[in-house]
């Protein structure tokens, strides 16, 4: 395997030399180096491991690695994208580690995983991992490694049973799932015995010092970018949104204790700054942060923002971005229809969207990207017509501002109020409708693949019976046709694709992830689901 371009990395932390009996850990990102090294979560976990004297950590990507130990004690994966599971299986094979946890012995490394995909719903991947870490790494990771170091000489069964008692550590093999027949839903999920916790609670870090890049490199997908987390979670709680519901509560980073020191450290290494968060501009001191960045010493710094809340796009924000070499801004509107926005709890008026476009243009920005969805529960063709009308209204209100409308299909996500809704089969036609009526008016329309949305929904709502299907698909190729072919192979042994993707589930039925607790109890999510119900009609 190729070596990594380590000579071009600027480290922003001091690794601790490993002691002689250190745990040999390989920490992998199942994609190329340029993609993995751009993941802030991956960077922070790697740096946390590298600061420990009792750990000797090596990084592994699909296109290269650091020198790997001859014997690996622990093999970890950070999963940020559902389809990266294919690369995960390939890397396991390359390291001669059995794909399934049940086939591993004391001679194999312990395989753990973490990241947003696994925290949301690890069940489709349960066969492939010995251990899954649920939640924020700030406290969870050190507790996990402390336990591993203590258990270094223990047998695999003993290690797994002890790890299962660490908060946030999930050992799938220690839980038994029963079903309502081969093609029915989940009936119940129970630990194998009384020593194993009945539920596993996602761990939430509640501090106000948030994450920042630990390495800067020209080989990242965003070249030489330094990333700093401004907020974590989102206070808006749109009913479909995993980034809000799974990461509650909303936490802004302390300006004085976190953001300013982090920015100054990073800008000593690069002049490109990325401000990250699901709702960056809702930081309570965001205006002060803009004043800070507008100081003369930062004039040559290029600033990028993740998606911002629409009614926070002020002339000052637009002027600051323009001054710092940004040309566009991104907002999520979900729909041009106020009725649909009410269904999903998007607290946003159409006038706010128009004002954002006007302010962006007035502040010197040349482009605005808007994100929306097709197939939202309760959506009608009239709602799509209102989306087209809105885009034309924006074009008239801010002439010369280049408008892009990126549109995905609604996908149900675990731990959100809309987890019970299936994907609308009409969504693909609705994407085509928007494409026809927007592109003809000179608006750049960028739809996300409907087929990819189907696969995403399958994994989002899947149970552990999908493991063999995912293995089979890998040999057929990553297309929707390959998934349909694999489901045909297992016909009568598991529910059909339709059940996982398109079916609306009953509010009272057990869910595949009921034993894995998010920030809000299921009963609260059910209430939020019901509060949307008045606007949802049969489509």
Protein backbone atom coordinates (compact mmCIF):
# COMPACT_ATOMS: atom_id res chain seq x y z
CA UNK A 1 0.00 0.00 0.00
CA UNK A 2 1.24 3.51 -0.83
CA UNK A 3 2.63 5.77 1.88
CA UNK A 4 0.87 9.00 2.86
CA UNK A 5 2.22 12.49 1.97
CA UNK A 6 3.19 13.10 5.59
CA UNK A 7 5.95 15.56 4.65
CA UNK A 8 3.25 18.04 3.57
CA UNK A 9 1.24 17.83 6.80
CA UNK A 10 1.40 20.62 9.35
CA UNK A 11 0.49 19.14 12.74
CA UNK A 12 -1.28 21.45 15.17
CA UNK A 13 -0.75 19.19 18.17
CA UNK A 14 2.20 17.41 19.76
CA UNK A 15 2.03 13.58 19.48
CA UNK A 16 3.20 11.68 22.55
CA UNK A 17 5.89 9.03 21.96
CA UNK A 18 4.41 5.58 22.54
CA UNK A 19 5.70 3.53 25.45
CA UNK A 20 7.12 0.06 24.87
CA UNK A 21 3.98 -1.95 25.68
CA UNK A 22 1.56 0.47 23.96
CA UNK A 23 -1.65 -0.79 22.40
CA UNK A 24 -1.12 -1.15 18.63
CA UNK A 25 -4.07 0.71 17.07
CA UNK A 26 -4.81 1.21 13.38
CA UNK A 27 -7.35 3.98 12.83
CA UNK A 28 -8.88 3.82 9.36
CA UNK A 29 -11.08 6.02 7.21
CA UNK A 30 -12.64 3.82 4.50
CA UNK A 31 -12.05 6.27 1.66
CA UNK A 32 -9.13 8.09 0.06
CA UNK A 33 -6.69 10.14 2.14
CA UNK A 34 -7.89 13.45 0.64
CA UNK A 35 -11.44 12.69 1.82
CA UNK A 36 -10.60 11.23 5.23
CA UNK A 37 -8.13 13.93 6.24
CA UNK A 38 -10.82 16.53 5.52
CA UNK A 39 -13.10 14.94 8.12
CA UNK A 40 -12.85 16.96 11.33
CA UNK A 41 -14.14 14.02 13.37
CA UNK A 42 -11.45 11.72 11.98
CA UNK A 43 -8.73 14.29 12.65
CA UNK A 44 -9.78 14.83 16.25
CA UNK A 45 -10.04 11.12 17.12
CA UNK A 46 -6.66 10.39 15.52
CA UNK A 47 -5.03 13.24 17.49
CA UNK A 48 -6.66 12.03 20.73
CA UNK A 49 -5.13 8.58 20.19
CA UNK A 50 -1.75 10.02 19.15
CA UNK A 51 -1.52 12.03 22.38
CA UNK A 52 -1.69 8.89 24.51
CA UNK A 53 1.56 7.19 25.54
CA UNK A 54 -0.26 3.88 25.99
CA UNK A 55 -1.35 3.86 22.33
CA UNK A 56 0.72 3.60 19.16
CA UNK A 57 -1.64 4.69 16.37
CA UNK A 58 -1.22 4.30 12.61
CA UNK A 59 -3.58 5.80 10.03
CA UNK A 60 -5.05 3.81 7.15
CA UNK A 61 -6.96 4.96 4.04
CA UNK A 62 -7.98 3.16 0.86
CA UNK A 63 -5.07 4.68 -1.09
CA UNK A 64 -2.33 4.64 1.53
CA UNK A 65 -1.27 4.22 5.12
CA UNK A 66 1.38 4.98 7.67
CA UNK A 67 3.65 2.01 8.47
CA UNK A 68 1.38 -0.61 10.05
CA UNK A 69 2.36 -2.81 13.00
CA UNK A 70 3.02 -6.49 12.38
CA UNK A 71 0.40 -7.32 15.02
CA UNK A 72 -2.65 -5.08 15.33
CA UNK A 73 -4.43 -5.04 18.70
CA UNK A 74 -7.27 -2.72 17.74
CA UNK A 75 -8.63 -1.69 14.33
CA UNK A 76 -10.95 1.32 14.25
CA UNK A 77 -13.08 2.87 11.49
CA UNK A 78 -14.68 6.29 11.22
CA UNK A 79 -17.81 6.04 9.02
CA UNK A 80 -19.15 9.32 7.62
CA UNK A 81 -20.89 8.04 4.47
CA UNK A 82 -23.15 4.99 4.21
CA UNK A 83 -21.62 3.47 1.07
CA UNK A 84 -18.11 3.54 2.55
CA UNK A 85 -19.01 0.18 4.10
CA UNK A 86 -17.82 -1.36 0.82
CA UNK A 87 -14.31 0.03 1.41
CA UNK A 88 -14.49 -1.08 5.05
CA UNK A 89 -14.96 -4.69 3.95
CA UNK A 90 -12.14 -4.37 1.42
CA UNK A 91 -9.74 -3.03 4.06
CA UNK A 92 -10.67 -5.87 6.44
CA UNK A 93 -9.81 -8.36 3.70
CA UNK A 94 -6.51 -6.63 2.93
CA UNK A 95 -5.55 -6.89 6.62
CA UNK A 96 -6.68 -10.56 6.65
CA UNK A 97 -9.33 -9.88 9.30
CA UNK A 98 -12.56 -11.92 8.99
CA UNK A 99 -15.46 -9.75 7.84
CA UNK A 100 -17.78 -10.92 10.61
CA UNK A 101 -17.13 -10.42 14.29
CA UNK A 102 -18.37 -13.94 15.04
CA UNK A 103 -15.55 -15.42 12.94
CA UNK A 104 -12.75 -13.57 14.75
CA UNK A 105 -10.58 -15.14 17.43
CA UNK A 106 -8.12 -13.90 20.05
CA UNK A 107 -5.53 -13.72 17.25
CA UNK A 108 -7.47 -11.02 15.39
CA UNK A 109 -7.69 -7.33 16.25
CA UNK A 110 -10.74 -5.97 18.00
CA UNK A 111 -12.69 -4.03 15.35
CA UNK A 112 -14.55 -0.91 16.44
CA UNK A 113 -16.41 1.81 14.58
CA UNK A 114 -17.78 5.26 15.20
CA UNK A 115 -19.00 8.33 13.39
CA UNK A 116 -22.38 9.76 12.41
CA UNK A 117 -23.56 6.82 10.28
CA UNK A 118 -22.99 4.28 13.05
CA UNK A 119 -24.30 6.51 15.83
CA UNK A 120 -27.57 6.98 13.91
CA UNK A 121 -28.24 3.30 13.16
CA UNK A 122 -25.46 0.72 13.37
CA UNK A 123 -27.72 -2.32 12.93
CA UNK A 124 -27.13 -3.00 9.18
CA UNK A 125 -23.39 -3.13 9.96
CA UNK A 126 -23.66 -5.08 13.24
CA UNK A 127 -22.08 -8.23 11.77
CA UNK A 128 -18.89 -6.41 10.77
CA UNK A 129 -18.00 -4.73 14.09
CA UNK A 130 -17.05 -6.11 17.47
CA UNK A 131 -17.74 -2.76 19.12
CA UNK A 132 -19.54 0.42 18.07
CA UNK A 133 -19.05 3.76 19.84
CA UNK A 134 -22.25 5.79 20.08
CA UNK A 135 -21.94 9.54 20.39
CA UNK A 136 -19.36 12.26 20.96
CA UNK A 137 -15.74 11.22 21.28
CA UNK A 138 -14.65 13.81 23.86
CA UNK A 139 -15.28 11.52 26.84
CA UNK A 140 -16.32 8.26 25.19
CA UNK A 141 -13.06 7.61 23.37
CA UNK A 142 -10.75 7.87 26.37
CA UNK A 143 -13.07 5.71 28.50
CA UNK A 144 -13.06 3.08 25.74
CA UNK A 145 -9.26 3.10 25.33
CA UNK A 146 -8.73 3.05 29.12
CA UNK A 147 -10.83 -0.12 29.28
CA UNK A 148 -8.96 -1.69 26.35
CA UNK A 149 -5.57 -1.01 27.92
CA UNK A 150 -6.76 -2.60 31.15
CA UNK A 151 -8.09 -5.63 29.25
CA UNK A 152 -5.08 -6.11 26.98
CA UNK A 153 -4.38 -9.66 28.19
CA UNK A 154 -8.05 -10.69 28.52
CA UNK A 155 -9.77 -13.08 26.12
CA UNK A 156 -11.99 -11.73 23.37
CA UNK A 157 -15.26 -12.84 25.06
CA UNK A 158 -14.23 -11.32 28.38
CA UNK A 159 -13.10 -8.09 26.70
CA UNK A 160 -16.39 -7.68 24.87
CA UNK A 161 -18.46 -8.30 27.99
CA UNK A 162 -16.44 -5.77 30.00
CA UNK A 163 -16.57 -3.17 27.22
CA UNK A 164 -20.36 -3.50 27.03
CA UNK A 165 -20.54 -1.94 30.50
CA UNK A 166 -18.72 1.24 29.40
CA UNK A 167 -21.32 4.01 28.75
CA UNK A 168 -21.83 4.53 25.02
CA UNK A 169 -20.06 1.32 24.02
CA UNK A 170 -22.31 -1.06 22.06
CA UNK A 171 -21.38 -4.70 21.48
CA UNK A 172 -23.90 -6.00 18.91
CA UNK A 173 -23.07 -9.69 19.46
CA UNK A 174 -24.30 -9.46 23.05
CA UNK A 175 -27.85 -8.58 21.96
CA UNK A 176 -30.43 -10.96 20.53
CA UNK A 177 -32.99 -9.70 18.03
CA UNK A 178 -36.23 -11.57 17.31
CA UNK A 179 -38.53 -10.87 14.38
CA UNK A 180 -42.17 -11.34 13.44
CA UNK A 181 -41.25 -14.11 11.02
CA UNK A 182 -38.55 -14.00 8.34
CA UNK A 183 -40.20 -11.16 6.41
CA UNK A 184 -41.74 -9.28 9.34
CA UNK A 185 -40.45 -6.40 11.42
CA UNK A 186 -38.46 -6.47 14.64
CA UNK A 187 -40.33 -8.06 17.54
CA UNK A 188 -37.88 -7.47 20.40
CA UNK A 189 -34.23 -6.76 21.23
CA UNK A 190 -32.76 -8.21 24.42
CA UNK A 191 -29.28 -8.51 25.94
CA UNK A 192 -28.06 -12.10 26.15
CA UNK A 193 -28.03 -12.00 29.94
CA UNK A 194 -28.60 -9.74 32.95
CA UNK A 195 -24.96 -8.58 33.11
CA UNK A 196 -25.35 -6.71 29.81
CA UNK A 197 -27.18 -3.34 29.85
CA UNK A 198 -30.64 -3.54 28.27
CA UNK A 199 -30.05 -0.23 26.47
CA UNK A 200 -27.04 1.80 25.35
CA UNK A 201 -27.19 5.58 25.72
CA UNK A 202 -25.51 7.81 23.13
CA UNK A 203 -22.85 9.88 24.89
CA UNK A 204 -23.17 13.65 24.62
CA UNK A 205 -20.32 16.06 25.32
CA UNK A 206 -21.76 19.17 26.93
CA UNK A 207 -18.71 21.42 27.12
CA UNK A 208 -18.29 24.72 25.29
CA UNK A 209 -14.80 24.05 23.91
CA UNK A 210 -15.54 22.38 20.59
CA UNK A 211 -13.39 20.74 17.92
CA UNK A 212 -10.80 22.27 15.60
CA UNK A 213 -8.43 20.85 13.00
CA UNK A 214 -5.40 18.97 14.25
CA UNK A 215 -3.65 18.90 10.86
CA UNK A 216 -3.48 21.12 7.76
CA UNK A 217 -2.42 19.73 4.39
CA UNK A 218 -2.57 20.74 0.71
CA UNK A 219 -3.75 17.20 -0.05
CA UNK A 220 -7.11 17.62 1.72
CA UNK A 221 -10.27 17.81 -0.38
CA UNK A 222 -10.41 21.47 0.72
CA UNK A 223 -6.79 22.39 0.19
CA UNK A 224 -4.96 23.73 3.27
CA UNK A 225 -8.20 24.42 5.15
CA UNK A 226 -8.27 24.86 8.90
CA UNK A 227 -11.67 23.91 10.33
CA UNK A 228 -13.18 25.10 13.58
CA UNK A 229 -16.51 23.97 15.03
CA UNK A 230 -18.59 27.05 15.90
CA UNK A 231 -21.70 25.24 17.16
CA UNK A 232 -22.82 21.66 17.67
CA UNK A 233 -26.38 20.55 16.91
CA UNK A 234 -29.11 22.96 15.80
CA UNK A 235 -31.87 24.70 17.78
CA UNK A 236 -34.41 24.58 14.92
CA UNK A 237 -35.29 20.87 15.18
CA UNK A 238 -36.66 20.33 11.68
CA UNK A 239 -38.53 17.04 12.00
CA UNK A 240 -36.49 15.17 9.37
CA UNK A 241 -33.07 16.38 10.51
CA UNK A 242 -30.58 13.95 12.00
CA UNK A 243 -28.00 16.72 12.51
CA UNK A 244 -30.38 18.37 14.95
CA UNK A 245 -32.20 15.56 16.76
CA UNK A 246 -29.32 13.12 17.21
CA UNK A 247 -26.86 15.73 18.49
CA UNK A 248 -29.02 17.71 20.94
CA UNK A 249 -28.64 19.91 22.90
CA UNK A 250 -27.49 22.91 20.85
CA UNK A 251 -24.05 23.97 22.08
CA UNK A 252 -22.18 27.09 20.95
CA UNK A 253 -18.41 27.16 21.38
CA UNK A 254 -17.10 29.73 23.83
CA UNK A 255 -15.80 32.71 21.87
CA UNK A 256 -12.97 33.46 24.31
CA UNK A 257 -12.08 29.94 25.49
CA UNK A 258 -12.55 28.03 22.22
CA UNK A 259 -13.09 29.95 18.98
CA UNK A 260 -10.60 32.80 19.18
CA UNK A 261 -7.66 30.73 20.50
CA UNK A 262 -8.38 27.99 17.96
CA UNK A 263 -8.60 30.43 15.04
CA UNK A 264 -5.34 32.10 16.00
CA UNK A 265 -3.56 28.75 16.25
CA UNK A 266 -4.88 27.60 12.89
CA UNK A 267 -4.16 30.82 11.03
CA UNK A 268 -0.52 30.55 12.05
CA UNK A 269 -0.40 27.52 9.72
CA UNK A 270 -2.72 28.52 6.86
CA UNK A 271 -4.81 31.42 5.61
CA UNK A 272 -7.92 29.40 4.81
CA UNK A 273 -10.57 29.09 7.52
CA UNK A 274 -13.71 26.94 7.56
CA UNK A 275 -16.42 27.69 10.13
CA UNK A 276 -18.41 24.51 10.75
CA UNK A 277 -21.75 23.70 12.32
CA UNK A 278 -25.33 22.85 11.39
CA UNK A 279 -26.39 26.43 12.10
CA UNK A 280 -23.23 28.51 12.41
CA UNK A 281 -24.87 31.94 12.34
CA UNK A 282 -27.05 31.09 15.33
CA UNK A 283 -24.06 31.27 17.64
CA UNK A 284 -25.20 33.85 20.23
CA UNK A 285 -22.04 35.93 19.66
CA UNK A 286 -21.76 35.42 15.91
CA UNK A 287 -21.80 39.17 15.24
CA UNK A 288 -18.82 39.57 17.57
CA UNK A 289 -17.07 36.73 15.73
CA UNK A 290 -17.56 38.64 12.46
CA UNK A 291 -16.02 41.76 14.06
CA UNK A 292 -13.08 39.63 15.19
CA UNK A 293 -12.52 38.23 11.68
CA UNK A 294 -12.77 41.70 10.15
CA UNK A 295 -9.64 42.88 11.97
CA UNK A 296 -6.83 43.98 9.61
CA UNK A 297 -4.54 41.05 10.51
CA UNK A 298 -7.09 38.68 8.95
CA UNK A 299 -7.59 40.61 5.69
CA UNK A 300 -5.84 37.92 3.64
CA UNK A 301 -7.78 35.03 5.22
CA UNK A 302 -10.25 33.17 3.03
CA UNK A 303 -13.34 32.28 5.08
CA UNK A 304 -15.84 29.54 4.20
CA UNK A 305 -19.13 28.85 5.99
CA UNK A 306 -21.27 25.75 6.11
CA UNK A 307 -25.00 26.21 5.55
CA UNK A 308 -26.50 29.15 7.46
CA UNK A 309 -30.00 29.92 8.68
CA UNK A 310 -31.80 31.99 6.07
CA UNK A 311 -32.98 34.86 8.25
CA UNK A 312 -29.43 35.42 9.55
CA UNK A 313 -28.06 36.40 6.13
CA UNK A 314 -27.44 40.07 6.92
CA UNK A 315 -25.60 42.63 4.79
CA UNK A 316 -22.79 42.50 7.37
CA UNK A 317 -22.42 38.73 6.95
CA UNK A 318 -22.40 39.04 3.15
CA UNK A 319 -19.87 41.89 3.27
CA UNK A 320 -17.61 39.90 5.62
CA UNK A 321 -17.68 36.85 3.34
CA UNK A 322 -17.00 39.01 0.27
CA UNK A 323 -14.08 40.67 2.06
CA UNK A 324 -12.68 37.24 2.85
CA UNK A 325 -12.80 35.88 -0.69
CA UNK A 326 -16.10 33.99 -0.55
CA UNK A 327 -18.38 34.43 -3.53
CA UNK A 328 -21.46 32.51 -2.43
CA UNK A 329 -23.57 31.51 0.56
CA UNK A 330 -25.66 28.40 1.21
CA UNK A 331 -29.07 28.27 2.87
CA UNK A 332 -31.51 25.40 3.46
CA UNK A 333 -35.15 26.27 2.72
CA UNK A 334 -36.53 22.69 2.21
CA UNK A 335 -39.45 23.98 0.07
CA UNK A 336 -40.88 27.08 -1.52
CA UNK A 337 -44.17 26.21 0.18
CA UNK A 338 -44.81 27.66 3.63
CA UNK A 339 -47.25 24.79 4.27
CA UNK A 340 -44.51 22.19 3.73
CA UNK A 341 -42.06 24.18 5.81
CA UNK A 342 -44.61 24.14 8.64
CA UNK A 343 -44.96 20.35 8.31
CA UNK A 344 -41.22 19.87 8.80
CA UNK A 345 -41.02 22.62 11.47
CA UNK A 346 -38.88 24.91 9.30
CA UNK A 347 -39.65 28.20 11.00
CA UNK A 348 -39.09 30.38 7.96
CA UNK A 349 -41.20 32.92 6.09
CA UNK A 350 -40.98 33.35 2.32
CA UNK A 351 -40.17 37.04 2.85
CA UNK A 352 -37.12 35.95 4.90
CA UNK A 353 -35.82 33.95 1.95
CA UNK A 354 -36.24 36.89 -0.41
CA UNK A 355 -34.51 39.22 2.05
CA UNK A 356 -31.57 36.80 2.32
CA UNK A 357 -31.09 36.95 -1.45
CA UNK A 358 -31.33 40.76 -1.46
CA UNK A 359 -28.82 41.03 1.42
CA UNK A 360 -26.42 38.58 -0.23
CA UNK A 361 -26.42 40.64 -3.44
CA UNK A 362 -26.13 43.95 -1.56
CA UNK A 363 -23.18 42.62 0.42
CA UNK A 364 -21.23 41.78 -2.74
CA UNK A 365 -21.82 38.05 -3.03
CA UNK A 366 -22.30 36.76 -6.57
CA UNK A 367 -24.11 33.48 -5.88
CA UNK A 368 -26.52 31.79 -3.51
CA UNK A 369 -27.16 28.07 -3.20
CA UNK A 370 -30.46 26.92 -1.76
CA UNK A 371 -31.16 23.38 -0.55
CA UNK A 372 -34.56 21.74 -0.70
CA UNK A 373 -36.28 18.36 -0.72
CA UNK A 374 -38.82 16.59 -2.87
CA UNK A 375 -41.21 13.97 -1.52
CA UNK A 376 -41.62 15.54 1.92
CA UNK A 377 -44.54 13.90 3.79
CA UNK A 378 -47.69 15.80 2.89
CA UNK A 379 -46.20 17.50 -0.18
CA UNK A 380 -48.44 18.04 -3.23
CA UNK A 381 -47.75 19.24 -6.77
CA UNK A 382 -49.00 22.67 -5.73
CA UNK A 383 -46.14 22.84 -3.23
CA UNK A 384 -43.64 22.11 -6.01
CA UNK A 385 -45.17 24.88 -8.11
CA UNK A 386 -44.59 27.23 -5.17
CA UNK A 387 -40.93 26.19 -5.09
CA UNK A 388 -40.59 27.15 -8.76
CA UNK A 389 -42.43 30.43 -8.11
CA UNK A 390 -40.11 31.21 -5.19
CA UNK A 391 -36.96 30.74 -7.26
CA UNK A 392 -38.36 33.06 -9.95
CA UNK A 393 -39.25 35.59 -7.25
CA UNK A 394 -35.67 35.50 -5.96
CA UNK A 395 -34.29 35.95 -9.45
CA UNK A 396 -36.39 39.09 -9.84
CA UNK A 397 -35.64 40.42 -6.33
CA UNK A 398 -31.85 40.03 -6.65
CA UNK A 399 -31.02 40.40 -10.36
CA UNK A 400 -27.55 39.19 -11.21
CA UNK A 401 -27.28 36.90 -8.17
CA UNK A 402 -26.51 33.42 -9.53
CA UNK A 403 -29.05 31.01 -8.03
CA UNK A 404 -28.51 27.29 -7.57
CA UNK A 405 -31.19 24.97 -6.20
CA UNK A 406 -29.86 21.68 -4.86
CA UNK A 407 -32.62 19.19 -4.19
CA UNK A 408 -32.63 15.78 -2.54
CA UNK A 409 -35.37 13.26 -1.89
CA UNK A 410 -36.76 13.08 1.65
CA UNK A 411 -35.04 10.18 3.45
CA UNK A 412 -36.24 8.99 6.89
CA UNK A 413 -33.54 8.99 9.56
CA UNK A 414 -33.43 7.08 12.85
CA UNK A 415 -33.99 9.12 16.03
CA UNK A 416 -35.99 11.81 14.20
CA UNK A 417 -39.80 12.32 14.27
CA UNK A 418 -40.03 11.40 10.59
CA UNK A 419 -38.34 7.99 11.06
CA UNK A 420 -41.77 6.37 10.66
CA UNK A 421 -42.36 7.76 7.15
CA UNK A 422 -41.15 5.97 4.03
CA UNK A 423 -39.64 7.45 0.88
CA UNK A 424 -42.28 8.80 -1.51
CA UNK A 425 -42.17 6.80 -4.75
CA UNK A 426 -43.30 9.91 -6.65
CA UNK A 427 -40.18 11.83 -5.60
CA UNK A 428 -38.20 10.91 -8.71
CA UNK A 429 -40.90 12.39 -10.98
CA UNK A 430 -41.05 15.46 -8.75
CA UNK A 431 -37.31 16.01 -9.14
CA UNK A 432 -37.77 15.85 -12.91
CA UNK A 433 -40.63 18.35 -12.68
CA UNK A 434 -38.42 20.82 -10.82
CA UNK A 435 -35.60 20.25 -13.27
CA UNK A 436 -37.84 20.97 -16.26
CA UNK A 437 -39.35 24.15 -14.81
CA UNK A 438 -36.23 25.63 -13.21
CA UNK A 439 -33.53 25.01 -15.81
CA UNK A 440 -35.74 26.46 -18.52
CA UNK A 441 -35.81 29.71 -16.49
CA UNK A 442 -32.02 29.90 -16.22
CA UNK A 443 -31.78 28.57 -12.65
CA UNK A 444 -29.06 26.00 -11.97
CA UNK A 445 -30.92 22.93 -10.66
CA UNK A 446 -28.83 20.18 -9.08
CA UNK A 447 -30.84 17.12 -8.02
CA UNK A 448 -29.37 14.43 -5.81
CA UNK A 449 -29.78 10.93 -7.21
CA UNK A 450 -33.16 9.41 -6.32
CA UNK A 451 -31.60 5.92 -6.50
CA UNK A 452 -28.98 6.96 -3.96
CA UNK A 453 -31.79 8.21 -1.71
CA UNK A 454 -33.41 4.76 -1.84
CA UNK A 455 -30.14 3.11 -0.78
CA UNK A 456 -29.63 5.71 1.93
CA UNK A 457 -33.14 5.04 3.29
CA UNK A 458 -32.49 1.30 3.26
CA UNK A 459 -29.41 1.72 5.43
CA UNK A 460 -31.02 4.42 7.58
CA UNK A 461 -33.94 2.15 8.55
CA UNK A 462 -32.29 -1.24 8.22
CA UNK A 463 -31.91 -3.98 10.81
CA UNK A 464 -29.07 -6.47 11.15
CA UNK A 465 -30.63 -8.87 8.64
CA UNK A 466 -29.20 -6.54 5.97
CA UNK A 467 -25.62 -7.68 6.68
CA UNK A 468 -25.64 -10.57 4.17
CA UNK A 469 -27.41 -8.34 1.62
CA UNK A 470 -24.68 -5.70 1.90
CA UNK A 471 -22.01 -8.36 1.43
CA UNK A 472 -23.78 -9.68 -1.67
CA UNK A 473 -24.27 -6.20 -3.17
CA UNK A 474 -20.55 -5.58 -2.92
CA UNK A 475 -19.95 -8.28 -5.51
CA UNK A 476 -22.75 -7.05 -7.79
CA UNK A 477 -21.75 -3.36 -7.81
CA UNK A 478 -23.02 -0.24 -6.08
CA UNK A 479 -26.19 0.46 -8.05
CA UNK A 480 -29.84 0.32 -7.07
CA UNK A 481 -30.17 -2.63 -9.48
CA UNK A 482 -27.52 -4.48 -7.47
CA UNK A 483 -29.52 -4.00 -4.28
CA UNK A 484 -32.70 -5.24 -5.96
CA UNK A 485 -30.78 -8.27 -7.27
CA UNK A 486 -29.41 -9.04 -3.80
CA UNK A 487 -32.88 -8.76 -2.24
CA UNK A 488 -34.13 -11.21 -4.85
CA UNK A 489 -31.41 -13.65 -3.76
CA UNK A 490 -32.71 -13.47 -0.18
CA UNK A 491 -36.42 -13.43 -1.07
CA UNK A 492 -38.51 -15.03 1.67
CA UNK A 493 -35.62 -14.80 4.18
CA UNK A 494 -35.84 -11.06 4.93
CA UNK A 495 -38.44 -8.32 4.36
CA UNK A 496 -38.57 -6.88 0.84
CA UNK A 497 -36.79 -3.67 -0.12
CA UNK A 498 -40.19 -1.96 -0.14
CA UNK A 499 -40.60 -2.55 3.61
CA UNK A 500 -37.37 -0.79 4.57
CA UNK A 501 -37.56 2.06 2.06
CA UNK A 502 -41.13 2.99 1.13
CA UNK A 503 -43.41 1.66 3.88
CA UNK A 504 -44.87 3.99 6.51
CA UNK A 505 -44.26 2.26 9.83
CA UNK A 506 -46.71 2.05 12.70
CA UNK A 507 -45.91 4.37 15.61
CA UNK A 508 -46.21 1.52 18.08
CA UNK A 509 -43.96 -1.04 16.41
CA UNK A 510 -40.48 -1.84 17.76
CA UNK A 511 -37.73 -0.15 15.77
CA UNK A 512 -34.36 -1.78 14.96
CA UNK A 513 -32.57 0.82 17.11
CA UNK A 514 -34.97 0.92 20.09
CA UNK A 515 -32.23 -0.38 22.41
CA UNK A 516 -29.90 2.46 21.35
CA UNK A 517 -31.01 5.66 23.04
CA UNK A 518 -30.61 9.09 21.49
CA UNK A 519 -31.02 12.47 23.23
CA UNK A 520 -34.84 12.33 23.19
CA UNK A 521 -37.04 9.38 24.24
CA UNK A 522 -39.14 7.62 21.63
CA UNK A 523 -42.33 8.97 23.21
CA UNK A 524 -41.16 12.55 22.61
CA UNK A 525 -40.36 11.79 18.97
CA UNK A 526 -43.85 10.29 18.61
CA UNK A 527 -45.37 13.54 19.93
CA UNK A 528 -43.31 15.56 17.46
CA UNK A 529 -44.46 13.23 14.69
CA UNK A 530 -48.09 13.71 15.68
CA UNK A 531 -47.71 17.50 15.84
CA UNK A 532 -46.76 17.43 12.15
CA UNK A 533 -49.71 15.23 11.29
CA UNK A 534 -52.25 17.99 10.72
CA UNK A 535 -50.38 19.12 7.64
CA UNK A 536 -49.66 15.67 6.28
CA UNK A 537 -52.25 14.31 3.91
CA UNK A 538 -52.43 11.20 1.76
CA UNK A 539 -50.17 11.78 -1.22
